[in-house]
Amino acid sequence: MFSLKGRIGRKEFLIRMVLLIIASLILNFISSWFGGNSPLAPDHGLHHGGSLAALLVLIAALGVTWCTICAAAARLRDIGRSTWWAILLFVPVLGFIELIVLAIARRKAVSS
């Protein structure tokens, strides 16, 4: 999950993406909770630890981003494309389209 090497199939790619989306949603909730933007956040006590919480959320978000890049690179390798195509993940609309293509593309046969 943390390596740029290897190959993964469609099913494993989809499982990883679902887990990473769940992790992103949790990070967004935690970020809004400590930032005070959540309607559920109380008005006392949480703002003092906001800087530390923001730093921890940032580090976790970078980890989620890295895992997404690694999964996309492994899937790109599996379908016979260059791993440089993973850069498209950072382009708003094209990144979403790329994730859909990676989820449905068939595996390319490996020649020894």
PDB file of N, CA and C in Angstrom:
ATOM      1  N   MET A   1       0.820  -1.194   0.000  1.00  0.00           N
ATOM      2  CA  MET A   1       0.000   0.000   0.000  1.00  0.00           C
ATOM      3  C   MET A   1       0.867   1.263   0.000  1.00  0.00           C
ATOM      4  N   PHE A   2       2.086   1.168   0.511  1.00  0.00           N
ATOM      5  CA  PHE A   2       2.948   2.347   0.597  1.00  0.00           C
ATOM      6  C   PHE A   2       4.070   2.330  -0.432  1.00  0.00           C
ATOM      7  N   SER A   3       4.072   1.352  -1.326  1.00  0.00           N
ATOM      8  CA  SER A   3       5.156   1.189  -2.281  1.00  0.00           C
ATOM      9  C   SER A   3       4.691   1.542  -3.692  1.00  0.00           C
ATOM     10  N   LEU A   4       5.597   2.108  -4.459  1.00  0.00           N
ATOM     11  CA  LEU A   4       5.301   2.421  -5.850  1.00  0.00           C
ATOM     12  C   LEU A   4       5.536   1.225  -6.761  1.00  0.00           C
ATOM     13  N   LYS A   5       5.957   0.112  -6.206  1.00  0.00           N
ATOM     14  CA  LYS A   5       6.237  -1.086  -6.997  1.00  0.00           C
ATOM     15  C   LYS A   5       5.047  -2.033  -6.958  1.00  0.00           C
ATOM     16  N   GLY A   6       5.044  -2.963  -7.893  1.00  0.00           N
ATOM     17  CA  GLY A   6       4.017  -3.991  -7.903  1.00  0.00           C
ATOM     18  C   GLY A   6       2.831  -3.647  -8.781  1.00  0.00           C
ATOM     19  N   ARG A   7       1.873  -4.577  -8.786  1.00  0.00           N
ATOM     20  CA  ARG A   7       0.658  -4.442  -9.583  1.00  0.00           C
ATOM     21  C   ARG A   7      -0.532  -4.832  -8.724  1.00  0.00           C
ATOM     22  N   ILE A   8      -1.672  -4.223  -8.995  1.00  0.00           N
ATOM     23  CA  ILE A   8      -2.898  -4.616  -8.301  1.00  0.00           C
ATOM     24  C   ILE A   8      -4.033  -4.710  -9.313  1.00  0.00           C
ATOM     25  N   GLY A   9      -4.951  -5.609  -9.050  1.00  0.00           N
ATOM     26  CA  GLY A   9      -6.106  -5.799  -9.917  1.00  0.00           C
ATOM     27  C   GLY A   9      -7.215  -4.808  -9.613  1.00  0.00           C
ATOM     28  N   ARG A  10      -8.300  -4.944 -10.374  1.00  0.00           N
ATOM     29  CA  ARG A  10      -9.432  -4.023 -10.215  1.00  0.00           C
ATOM     30  C   ARG A  10     -10.055  -4.100  -8.829  1.00  0.00           C
ATOM     31  N   LYS A  11     -10.273  -5.328  -8.354  1.00  0.00           N
ATOM     32  CA  LYS A  11     -10.945  -5.501  -7.066  1.00  0.00           C
ATOM     33  C   LYS A  11     -10.129  -4.879  -5.933  1.00  0.00           C
ATOM     34  N   GLU A  12      -8.827  -5.178  -5.897  1.00  0.00           N
ATOM     35  CA  GLU A  12      -7.977  -4.617  -4.842  1.00  0.00           C
ATOM     36  C   GLU A  12      -7.892  -3.100  -4.958  1.00  0.00           C
ATOM     37  N   PHE A  13      -7.849  -2.586  -6.186  1.00  0.00           N
ATOM     38  CA  PHE A  13      -7.812  -1.137  -6.389  1.00  0.00           C
ATOM     39  C   PHE A  13      -9.078  -0.483  -5.836  1.00  0.00           C
ATOM     40  N   LEU A  14     -10.233  -1.073  -6.147  1.00  0.00           N
ATOM     41  CA  LEU A  14     -11.494  -0.517  -5.652  1.00  0.00           C
ATOM     42  C   LEU A  14     -11.567  -0.562  -4.130  1.00  0.00           C
ATOM     43  N   ILE A  15     -11.108  -1.661  -3.534  1.00  0.00           N
ATOM     44  CA  ILE A  15     -11.106  -1.766  -2.072  1.00  0.00           C
ATOM     45  C   ILE A  15     -10.221  -0.681  -1.470  1.00  0.00           C
ATOM     46  N   ARG A  16      -9.027  -0.506  -2.037  1.00  0.00           N
ATOM     47  CA  ARG A  16      -8.123   0.536  -1.526  1.00  0.00           C
ATOM     48  C   ARG A  16      -8.735   1.923  -1.660  1.00  0.00           C
ATOM     49  N   MET A  17      -9.361   2.189  -2.805  1.00  0.00           N
ATOM     50  CA  MET A  17      -9.948   3.513  -3.014  1.00  0.00           C
ATOM     51  C   MET A  17     -11.094   3.771  -2.036  1.00  0.00           C
ATOM     52  N   VAL A  18     -11.921   2.767  -1.791  1.00  0.00           N
ATOM     53  CA  VAL A  18     -13.017   2.941  -0.829  1.00  0.00           C
ATOM     54  C   VAL A  18     -12.451   3.231   0.559  1.00  0.00           C
ATOM     55  N   LEU A  19     -11.420   2.480   0.965  1.00  0.00           N
ATOM     56  CA  LEU A  19     -10.805   2.710   2.276  1.00  0.00           C
ATOM     57  C   LEU A  19     -10.169   4.095   2.361  1.00  0.00           C
ATOM     58  N   LEU A  20      -9.536   4.535   1.284  1.00  0.00           N
ATOM     59  CA  LEU A  20      -8.913   5.859   1.281  1.00  0.00           C
ATOM     60  C   LEU A  20      -9.962   6.975   1.284  1.00  0.00           C
ATOM     61  N   ILE A  21     -11.082   6.759   0.622  1.00  0.00           N
ATOM     62  CA  ILE A  21     -12.158   7.750   0.657  1.00  0.00           C
ATOM     63  C   ILE A  21     -12.741   7.841   2.061  1.00  0.00           C
ATOM     64  N   ILE A  22     -12.927   6.699   2.710  1.00  0.00           N
ATOM     65  CA  ILE A  22     -13.416   6.700   4.095  1.00  0.00           C
ATOM     66  C   ILE A  22     -12.429   7.431   5.001  1.00  0.00           C
ATOM     67  N   ALA A  23     -11.127   7.157   4.816  1.00  0.00           N
ATOM     68  CA  ALA A  23     -10.109   7.848   5.616  1.00  0.00           C
ATOM     69  C   ALA A  23     -10.157   9.353   5.368  1.00  0.00           C
ATOM     70  N   SER A  24     -10.358   9.766   4.119  1.00  0.00           N
ATOM     71  CA  SER A  24     -10.452  11.195   3.803  1.00  0.00           C
ATOM     72  C   SER A  24     -11.665  11.837   4.459  1.00  0.00           C
ATOM     73  N   LEU A  25     -12.783  11.130   4.451  1.00  0.00           N
ATOM     74  CA  LEU A  25     -13.986  11.668   5.097  1.00  0.00           C
ATOM     75  C   LEU A  25     -13.785  11.820   6.599  1.00  0.00           C
ATOM     76  N   ILE A  26     -13.138  10.843   7.210  1.00  0.00           N
ATOM     77  CA  ILE A  26     -12.847  10.928   8.646  1.00  0.00           C
ATOM     78  C   ILE A  26     -11.917  12.101   8.928  1.00  0.00           C
ATOM     79  N   LEU A  27     -10.889  12.277   8.090  1.00  0.00           N
ATOM     80  CA  LEU A  27      -9.971  13.404   8.267  1.00  0.00           C
ATOM     81  C   LEU A  27     -10.698  14.739   8.111  1.00  0.00           C
ATOM     82  N   ASN A  28     -11.605  14.824   7.152  1.00  0.00           N
ATOM     83  CA  ASN A  28     -12.382  16.057   6.981  1.00  0.00           C
ATOM     84  C   ASN A  28     -13.249  16.336   8.197  1.00  0.00           C
ATOM     85  N   PHE A  29     -13.853  15.298   8.749  1.00  0.00           N
ATOM     86  CA  PHE A  29     -14.679  15.482   9.941  1.00  0.00           C
ATOM     87  C   PHE A  29     -13.827  15.947  11.117  1.00  0.00           C
ATOM     88  N   ILE A  30     -12.677  15.306  11.319  1.00  0.00           N
ATOM     89  CA  ILE A  30     -11.788  15.691  12.423  1.00  0.00           C
ATOM     90  C   ILE A  30     -11.302  17.124  12.232  1.00  0.00           C
ATOM     91  N   SER A  31     -10.944  17.457  11.003  1.00  0.00           N
ATOM     92  CA  SER A  31     -10.466  18.808  10.717  1.00  0.00           C
ATOM     93  C   SER A  31     -11.540  19.851  11.011  1.00  0.00           C
ATOM     94  N   SER A  32     -12.765  19.588  10.586  1.00  0.00           N
ATOM     95  CA  SER A  32     -13.830  20.558  10.849  1.00  0.00           C
ATOM     96  C   SER A  32     -14.203  20.584  12.327  1.00  0.00           C
ATOM     97  N   TRP A  33     -14.074  19.457  13.005  1.00  0.00           N
ATOM     98  CA  TRP A  33     -14.372  19.394  14.443  1.00  0.00           C
ATOM     99  C   TRP A  33     -13.419  20.302  15.223  1.00  0.00           C
ATOM    100  N   PHE A  34     -12.120  20.144  14.962  1.00  0.00           N
ATOM    101  CA  PHE A  34     -11.141  20.942  15.690  1.00  0.00           C
ATOM    102  C   PHE A  34     -11.044  22.365  15.166  1.00  0.00           C
ATOM    103  N   GLY A  35     -11.486  22.586  13.951  1.00  0.00           N
ATOM    104  CA  GLY A  35     -11.477  23.934  13.405  1.00  0.00           C
ATOM    105  C   GLY A  35     -12.674  24.748  13.840  1.00  0.00           C
ATOM    106  N   GLY A  36     -13.651  24.089  14.452  1.00  0.00           N
ATOM    107  CA  GLY A  36     -14.827  24.797  14.931  1.00  0.00           C
ATOM    108  C   GLY A  36     -15.893  25.007  13.877  1.00  0.00           C
ATOM    109  N   ASN A  37     -15.721  24.455  12.690  1.00  0.00           N
ATOM    110  CA  ASN A  37     -16.701  24.634  11.624  1.00  0.00           C
ATOM    111  C   ASN A  37     -17.828  23.610  11.675  1.00  0.00           C
ATOM    112  N   SER A  38     -17.679  22.595  12.494  1.00  0.00           N
ATOM    113  CA  SER A  38     -18.692  21.552  12.583  1.00  0.00           C
ATOM    114  C   SER A  38     -19.838  22.002  13.477  1.00  0.00           C
ATOM    115  N   PRO A  39     -21.079  21.723  13.077  1.00  0.00           N
ATOM    116  CA  PRO A  39     -22.200  22.062  13.957  1.00  0.00           C
ATOM    117  C   PRO A  39     -22.204  21.218  15.231  1.00  0.00           C
ATOM    118  N   LEU A  40     -21.468  20.121  15.237  1.00  0.00           N
ATOM    119  CA  LEU A  40     -21.404  19.253  16.408  1.00  0.00           C
ATOM    120  C   LEU A  40     -20.326  19.673  17.398  1.00  0.00           C
ATOM    121  N   ALA A  41     -19.390  20.516  16.944  1.00  0.00           N
ATOM    122  CA  ALA A  41     -18.267  20.899  17.803  1.00  0.00           C
ATOM    123  C   ALA A  41     -18.722  21.849  18.898  1.00  0.00           C
ATOM    124  N   PRO A  42     -18.364  21.568  20.132  1.00  0.00           N
ATOM    125  CA  PRO A  42     -18.686  22.502  21.214  1.00  0.00           C
ATOM    126  C   PRO A  42     -17.844  23.767  21.086  1.00  0.00           C
ATOM    127  N   ASP A  43     -18.286  24.822  21.730  1.00  0.00           N
ATOM    128  CA  ASP A  43     -17.601  26.112  21.626  1.00  0.00           C
ATOM    129  C   ASP A  43     -16.478  26.279  22.634  1.00  0.00           C
ATOM    130  N   HIS A  44     -16.153  25.260  23.361  1.00  0.00           N
ATOM    131  CA  HIS A  44     -15.126  25.417  24.390  1.00  0.00           C
ATOM    132  C   HIS A  44     -14.101  24.287  24.319  1.00  0.00           C
ATOM    133  N   GLY A  45     -12.871  24.630  24.627  1.00  0.00           N
ATOM    134  CA  GLY A  45     -11.832  23.634  24.851  1.00  0.00           C
ATOM    135  C   GLY A  45     -11.148  23.075  23.624  1.00  0.00           C
ATOM    136  N   LEU A  46     -11.825  22.964  22.502  1.00  0.00           N
ATOM    137  CA  LEU A  46     -11.211  22.304  21.359  1.00  0.00           C
ATOM    138  C   LEU A  46     -10.326  23.236  20.544  1.00  0.00           C
ATOM    139  N   HIS A  47     -10.530  24.532  20.649  1.00  0.00           N
ATOM    140  CA  HIS A  47      -9.749  25.460  19.840  1.00  0.00           C
ATOM    141  C   HIS A  47      -8.309  25.577  20.318  1.00  0.00           C
ATOM    142  N   HIS A  48      -8.037  25.244  21.565  1.00  0.00           N
ATOM    143  CA  HIS A  48      -6.673  25.343  22.074  1.00  0.00           C
ATOM    144  C   HIS A  48      -5.768  24.290  21.455  1.00  0.00           C
ATOM    145  N   GLY A  49      -6.293  23.141  21.153  1.00  0.00           N
ATOM    146  CA  GLY A  49      -5.504  22.084  20.535  1.00  0.00           C
ATOM    147  C   GLY A  49      -5.625  22.080  19.028  1.00  0.00           C
ATOM    148  N   GLY A  50      -6.189  23.129  18.470  1.00  0.00           N
ATOM    149  CA  GLY A  50      -6.439  23.192  17.040  1.00  0.00           C
ATOM    150  C   GLY A  50      -5.196  23.132  16.188  1.00  0.00           C
ATOM    151  N   SER A  51      -4.117  23.793  16.617  1.00  0.00           N
ATOM    152  CA  SER A  51      -2.889  23.802  15.826  1.00  0.00           C
ATOM    153  C   SER A  51      -2.274  22.415  15.751  1.00  0.00           C
ATOM    154  N   LEU A  52      -2.229  21.733  16.875  1.00  0.00           N
ATOM    155  CA  LEU A  52      -1.689  20.374  16.891  1.00  0.00           C
ATOM    156  C   LEU A  52      -2.580  19.441  16.084  1.00  0.00           C
ATOM    157  N   ALA A  53      -3.887  19.583  16.239  1.00  0.00           N
ATOM    158  CA  ALA A  53      -4.822  18.744  15.486  1.00  0.00           C
ATOM    159  C   ALA A  53      -4.686  19.004  13.988  1.00  0.00           C
ATOM    160  N   ALA A  54      -4.534  20.266  13.606  1.00  0.00           N
ATOM    161  CA  ALA A  54      -4.376  20.606  12.193  1.00  0.00           C
ATOM    162  C   ALA A  54      -3.104  19.994  11.627  1.00  0.00           C
ATOM    163  N   LEU A  55      -2.031  20.012  12.402  1.00  0.00           N
ATOM    164  CA  LEU A  55      -0.780  19.408  11.958  1.00  0.00           C
ATOM    165  C   LEU A  55      -0.930  17.900  11.789  1.00  0.00           C
ATOM    166  N   LEU A  56      -1.586  17.251  12.736  1.00  0.00           N
ATOM    167  CA  LEU A  56      -1.790  15.806  12.650  1.00  0.00           C
ATOM    168  C   LEU A  56      -2.691  15.433  11.474  1.00  0.00           C
ATOM    169  N   VAL A  57      -3.725  16.234  11.243  1.00  0.00           N
ATOM    170  CA  VAL A  57      -4.609  15.987  10.101  1.00  0.00           C
ATOM    171  C   VAL A  57      -3.852  16.191   8.797  1.00  0.00           C
ATOM    172  N   LEU A  58      -2.990  17.203   8.732  1.00  0.00           N
ATOM    173  CA  LEU A  58      -2.188  17.441   7.536  1.00  0.00           C
ATOM    174  C   LEU A  58      -1.268  16.259   7.255  1.00  0.00           C
ATOM    175  N   ILE A  59      -0.603  15.759   8.275  1.00  0.00           N
ATOM    176  CA  ILE A  59       0.290  14.608   8.107  1.00  0.00           C
ATOM    177  C   ILE A  59      -0.501  13.387   7.638  1.00  0.00           C
ATOM    178  N   ALA A  60      -1.662  13.157   8.239  1.00  0.00           N
ATOM    179  CA  ALA A  60      -2.500  12.023   7.838  1.00  0.00           C
ATOM    180  C   ALA A  60      -3.007  12.197   6.404  1.00  0.00           C
ATOM    181  N   ALA A  61      -3.360  13.428   6.028  1.00  0.00           N
ATOM    182  CA  ALA A  61      -3.835  13.689   4.667  1.00  0.00           C
ATOM    183  C   ALA A  61      -2.731  13.439   3.645  1.00  0.00           C
ATOM    184  N   LEU A  62      -1.503  13.802   3.989  1.00  0.00           N
ATOM    185  CA  LEU A  62      -0.380  13.503   3.096  1.00  0.00           C
ATOM    186  C   LEU A  62      -0.194  11.997   2.951  1.00  0.00           C
ATOM    187  N   GLY A  63      -0.406  11.268   4.041  1.00  0.00           N
ATOM    188  CA  GLY A  63      -0.328   9.806   3.981  1.00  0.00           C
ATOM    189  C   GLY A  63      -1.402   9.215   3.081  1.00  0.00           C
ATOM    190  N   VAL A  64      -2.620   9.733   3.172  1.00  0.00           N
ATOM    191  CA  VAL A  64      -3.711   9.265   2.311  1.00  0.00           C
ATOM    192  C   VAL A  64      -3.398   9.582   0.849  1.00  0.00           C
ATOM    193  N   THR A  65      -2.859  10.770   0.594  1.00  0.00           N
ATOM    194  CA  THR A  65      -2.486  11.150  -0.766  1.00  0.00           C
ATOM    195  C   THR A  65      -1.414  10.223  -1.315  1.00  0.00           C
ATOM    196  N   TRP A  66      -0.404   9.913  -0.500  1.00  0.00           N
ATOM    197  CA  TRP A  66       0.663   9.009  -0.930  1.00  0.00           C
ATOM    198  C   TRP A  66       0.103   7.622  -1.249  1.00  0.00           C
ATOM    199  N   CYS A  67      -0.778   7.119  -0.408  1.00  0.00           N
ATOM    200  CA  CYS A  67      -1.380   5.796  -0.638  1.00  0.00           C
ATOM    201  C   CYS A  67      -2.207   5.781  -1.920  1.00  0.00           C
ATOM    202  N   THR A  68      -2.882   6.886  -2.217  1.00  0.00           N
ATOM    203  CA  THR A  68      -3.660   6.989  -3.451  1.00  0.00           C
ATOM    204  C   THR A  68      -2.747   6.956  -4.666  1.00  0.00           C
ATOM    205  N   ILE A  69      -1.638   7.686  -4.603  1.00  0.00           N
ATOM    206  CA  ILE A  69      -0.674   7.691  -5.705  1.00  0.00           C
ATOM    207  C   ILE A  69      -0.081   6.300  -5.897  1.00  0.00           C
ATOM    208  N   CYS A  70       0.260   5.629  -4.809  1.00  0.00           N
ATOM    209  CA  CYS A  70       0.834   4.280  -4.898  1.00  0.00           C
ATOM    210  C   CYS A  70      -0.152   3.295  -5.510  1.00  0.00           C
ATOM    211  N   ALA A  71      -1.417   3.369  -5.100  1.00  0.00           N
ATOM    212  CA  ALA A  71      -2.435   2.467  -5.651  1.00  0.00           C
ATOM    213  C   ALA A  71      -2.646   2.746  -7.139  1.00  0.00           C
ATOM    214  N   ALA A  72      -2.690   4.015  -7.513  1.00  0.00           N
ATOM    215  CA  ALA A  72      -2.874   4.367  -8.921  1.00  0.00           C
ATOM    216  C   ALA A  72      -1.681   3.913  -9.753  1.00  0.00           C
ATOM    217  N   ALA A  73      -0.470   4.087  -9.233  1.00  0.00           N
ATOM    218  CA  ALA A  73       0.727   3.662  -9.966  1.00  0.00           C
ATOM    219  C   ALA A  73       0.735   2.147 -10.163  1.00  0.00           C
ATOM    220  N   ALA A  74       0.371   1.403  -9.130  1.00  0.00           N
ATOM    221  CA  ALA A  74       0.332  -0.058  -9.247  1.00  0.00           C
ATOM    222  C   ALA A  74      -0.744  -0.492 -10.241  1.00  0.00           C
ATOM    223  N   ARG A  75      -1.873   0.180 -10.215  1.00  0.00           N
ATOM    224  CA  ARG A  75      -2.951  -0.165 -11.146  1.00  0.00           C
ATOM    225  C   ARG A  75      -2.569   0.213 -12.570  1.00  0.00           C
ATOM    226  N   LEU A  76      -1.919   1.363 -12.751  1.00  0.00           N
ATOM    227  CA  LEU A  76      -1.449   1.760 -14.078  1.00  0.00           C
ATOM    228  C   LEU A  76      -0.463   0.738 -14.630  1.00  0.00           C
ATOM    229  N   ARG A  77       0.420   0.263 -13.793  1.00  0.00           N
ATOM    230  CA  ARG A  77       1.374  -0.760 -14.205  1.00  0.00           C
ATOM    231  C   ARG A  77       0.633  -2.037 -14.609  1.00  0.00           C
ATOM    232  N   ASP A  78      -0.431  -2.348 -13.896  1.00  0.00           N
ATOM    233  CA  ASP A  78      -1.208  -3.554 -14.158  1.00  0.00           C
ATOM    234  C   ASP A  78      -1.910  -3.503 -15.512  1.00  0.00           C
ATOM    235  N   ILE A  79      -2.323  -2.317 -15.943  1.00  0.00           N
ATOM    236  CA  ILE A  79      -3.009  -2.203 -17.231  1.00  0.00           C
ATOM    237  C   ILE A  79      -2.050  -1.830 -18.361  1.00  0.00           C
ATOM    238  N   GLY A  80      -0.754  -1.792 -18.056  1.00  0.00           N
ATOM    239  CA  GLY A  80       0.245  -1.568 -19.092  1.00  0.00           C
ATOM    240  C   GLY A  80       0.494  -0.120 -19.447  1.00  0.00           C
ATOM    241  N   ARG A  81       0.208   0.781 -18.565  1.00  0.00           N
ATOM    242  CA  ARG A  81       0.441   2.211 -18.798  1.00  0.00           C
ATOM    243  C   ARG A  81       1.606   2.699 -17.946  1.00  0.00           C
ATOM    244  N   SER A  82       2.158   3.832 -18.342  1.00  0.00           N
ATOM    245  CA  SER A  82       3.238   4.444 -17.577  1.00  0.00           C
ATOM    246  C   SER A  82       2.700   4.961 -16.245  1.00  0.00           C
ATOM    247  N   THR A  83       3.510   4.811 -15.209  1.00  0.00           N
ATOM    248  CA  THR A  83       3.081   5.296 -13.890  1.00  0.00           C
ATOM    249  C   THR A  83       3.028   6.821 -13.830  1.00  0.00           C
ATOM    250  N   TRP A  84       3.602   7.491 -14.801  1.00  0.00           N
ATOM    251  CA  TRP A  84       3.542   8.949 -14.842  1.00  0.00           C
ATOM    252  C   TRP A  84       2.113   9.450 -15.050  1.00  0.00           C
ATOM    253  N   TRP A  85       1.226   8.592 -15.527  1.00  0.00           N
ATOM    254  CA  TRP A  85      -0.173   8.978 -15.681  1.00  0.00           C
ATOM    255  C   TRP A  85      -0.816   9.282 -14.335  1.00  0.00           C
ATOM    256  N   ALA A  86      -0.197   8.853 -13.248  1.00  0.00           N
ATOM    257  CA  ALA A  86      -0.733   9.130 -11.904  1.00  0.00           C
ATOM    258  C   ALA A  86      -0.746  10.630 -11.604  1.00  0.00           C
ATOM    259  N   ILE A  87       0.040  11.403 -12.333  1.00  0.00           N
ATOM    260  CA  ILE A  87       0.062  12.859 -12.139  1.00  0.00           C
ATOM    261  C   ILE A  87      -1.320  13.460 -12.412  1.00  0.00           C
ATOM    262  N   LEU A  88      -2.091  12.815 -13.287  1.00  0.00           N
ATOM    263  CA  LEU A  88      -3.429  13.324 -13.599  1.00  0.00           C
ATOM    264  C   LEU A  88      -4.349  13.354 -12.387  1.00  0.00           C
ATOM    265  N   LEU A  89      -4.013  12.616 -11.343  1.00  0.00           N
ATOM    266  CA  LEU A  89      -4.831  12.628 -10.130  1.00  0.00           C
ATOM    267  C   LEU A  89      -4.926  14.024  -9.523  1.00  0.00           C
ATOM    268  N   PHE A  90      -3.942  14.867  -9.810  1.00  0.00           N
ATOM    269  CA  PHE A  90      -3.914  16.208  -9.237  1.00  0.00           C
ATOM    270  C   PHE A  90      -4.687  17.234 -10.071  1.00  0.00           C
ATOM    271  N   VAL A  91      -5.190  16.816 -11.236  1.00  0.00           N
ATOM    272  CA  VAL A  91      -6.009  17.691 -12.072  1.00  0.00           C
ATOM    273  C   VAL A  91      -7.469  17.384 -11.744  1.00  0.00           C
ATOM    274  N   PRO A  92      -8.231  18.379 -11.262  1.00  0.00           N
ATOM    275  CA  PRO A  92      -9.559  18.110 -10.700  1.00  0.00           C
ATOM    276  C   PRO A  92     -10.472  17.175 -11.496  1.00  0.00           C
ATOM    277  N   VAL A  93     -10.848  17.493 -12.691  1.00  0.00           N
ATOM    278  CA  VAL A  93     -11.797  16.654 -13.426  1.00  0.00           C
ATOM    279  C   VAL A  93     -11.106  15.421 -14.002  1.00  0.00           C
ATOM    280  N   LEU A  94      -9.921  15.604 -14.541  1.00  0.00           N
ATOM    281  CA  LEU A  94      -9.194  14.486 -15.143  1.00  0.00           C
ATOM    282  C   LEU A  94      -8.825  13.420 -14.119  1.00  0.00           C
ATOM    283  N   GLY A  95      -8.533  13.825 -12.895  1.00  0.00           N
ATOM    284  CA  GLY A  95      -8.203  12.859 -11.850  1.00  0.00           C
ATOM    285  C   GLY A  95      -9.366  11.941 -11.540  1.00  0.00           C
ATOM    286  N   PHE A  96     -10.571  12.498 -11.496  1.00  0.00           N
ATOM    287  CA  PHE A  96     -11.765  11.686 -11.250  1.00  0.00           C
ATOM    288  C   PHE A  96     -11.995  10.712 -12.401  1.00  0.00           C
ATOM    289  N   ILE A  97     -11.833  11.200 -13.632  1.00  0.00           N
ATOM    290  CA  ILE A  97     -11.995  10.335 -14.804  1.00  0.00           C
ATOM    291  C   ILE A  97     -10.949   9.227 -14.790  1.00  0.00           C
ATOM    292  N   GLU A  98      -9.718   9.580 -14.418  1.00  0.00           N
ATOM    293  CA  GLU A  98      -8.655   8.574 -14.361  1.00  0.00           C
ATOM    294  C   GLU A  98      -8.983   7.485 -13.341  1.00  0.00           C
ATOM    295  N   LEU A  99      -9.511   7.854 -12.191  1.00  0.00           N
ATOM    296  CA  LEU A  99      -9.877   6.854 -11.187  1.00  0.00           C
ATOM    297  C   LEU A  99     -10.945   5.904 -11.716  1.00  0.00           C
ATOM    298  N   ILE A 100     -11.900   6.426 -12.469  1.00  0.00           N
ATOM    299  CA  ILE A 100     -12.933   5.568 -13.054  1.00  0.00           C
ATOM    300  C   ILE A 100     -12.318   4.623 -14.081  1.00  0.00           C
ATOM    301  N   VAL A 101     -11.442   5.146 -14.934  1.00  0.00           N
ATOM    302  CA  VAL A 101     -10.780   4.306 -15.939  1.00  0.00           C
ATOM    303  C   VAL A 101      -9.951   3.218 -15.262  1.00  0.00           C
ATOM    304  N   LEU A 102      -9.221   3.575 -14.216  1.00  0.00           N
ATOM    305  CA  LEU A 102      -8.409   2.585 -13.509  1.00  0.00           C
ATOM    306  C   LEU A 102      -9.274   1.511 -12.859  1.00  0.00           C
ATOM    307  N   ALA A 103     -10.461   1.885 -12.445  1.00  0.00           N
ATOM    308  CA  ALA A 103     -11.350   0.925 -11.787  1.00  0.00           C
ATOM    309  C   ALA A 103     -11.967  -0.069 -12.767  1.00  0.00           C
ATOM    310  N   ILE A 104     -12.107   0.319 -14.041  1.00  0.00           N
ATOM    311  CA  ILE A 104     -12.786  -0.570 -14.985  1.00  0.00           C
ATOM    312  C   ILE A 104     -11.868  -1.184 -16.038  1.00  0.00           C
ATOM    313  N   ALA A 105     -10.644  -0.683 -16.176  1.00  0.00           N
ATOM    314  CA  ALA A 105      -9.737  -1.188 -17.216  1.00  0.00           C
ATOM    315  C   ALA A 105      -9.327  -2.633 -16.933  1.00  0.00           C
ATOM    316  N   ARG A 106      -9.182  -3.394 -18.001  1.00  0.00           N
ATOM    317  CA  ARG A 106      -8.771  -4.792 -17.872  1.00  0.00           C
ATOM    318  C   ARG A 106      -7.261  -4.898 -17.723  1.00  0.00           C
ATOM    319  N   ARG A 107      -6.846  -5.961 -17.056  1.00  0.00           N
ATOM    320  CA  ARG A 107      -5.427  -6.249 -16.836  1.00  0.00           C
ATOM    321  C   ARG A 107      -4.758  -6.594 -18.160  1.00  0.00           C
ATOM    322  N   LYS A 108      -3.552  -6.080 -18.342  1.00  0.00           N
ATOM    323  CA  LYS A 108      -2.770  -6.404 -19.525  1.00  0.00           C
ATOM    324  C   LYS A 108      -1.929  -7.632 -19.219  1.00  0.00           C
ATOM    325  N   ALA A 109      -1.869  -8.550 -20.158  1.00  0.00           N
ATOM    326  CA  ALA A 109      -1.083  -9.772 -19.973  1.00  0.00           C
ATOM    327  C   ALA A 109       0.396  -9.430 -19.859  1.00  0.00           C
ATOM    328  N   VAL A 110       1.071 -10.126 -18.958  1.00  0.00           N
ATOM    329  CA  VAL A 110       2.494  -9.894 -18.728  1.00  0.00           C
ATOM    330  C   VAL A 110       3.295 -10.829 -19.614  1.00  0.00           C
ATOM    331  N   SER A 111       4.229 -10.262 -20.377  1.00  0.00           N
ATOM    332  CA  SER A 111       5.110 -11.104 -21.191  1.00  0.00           C
ATOM    333  C   SER A 111       6.456 -11.215 -20.500  1.00  0.00           C
ATOM    334  N   SER A 112       6.955 -12.416 -20.428  1.00  0.00           N
ATOM    335  CA  SER A 112       8.217 -12.642 -19.707  1.00  0.00           C
ATOM    336  C   SER A 112       9.400 -12.375 -20.568  1.00  0.00           C
TER     337      SER A 112
END
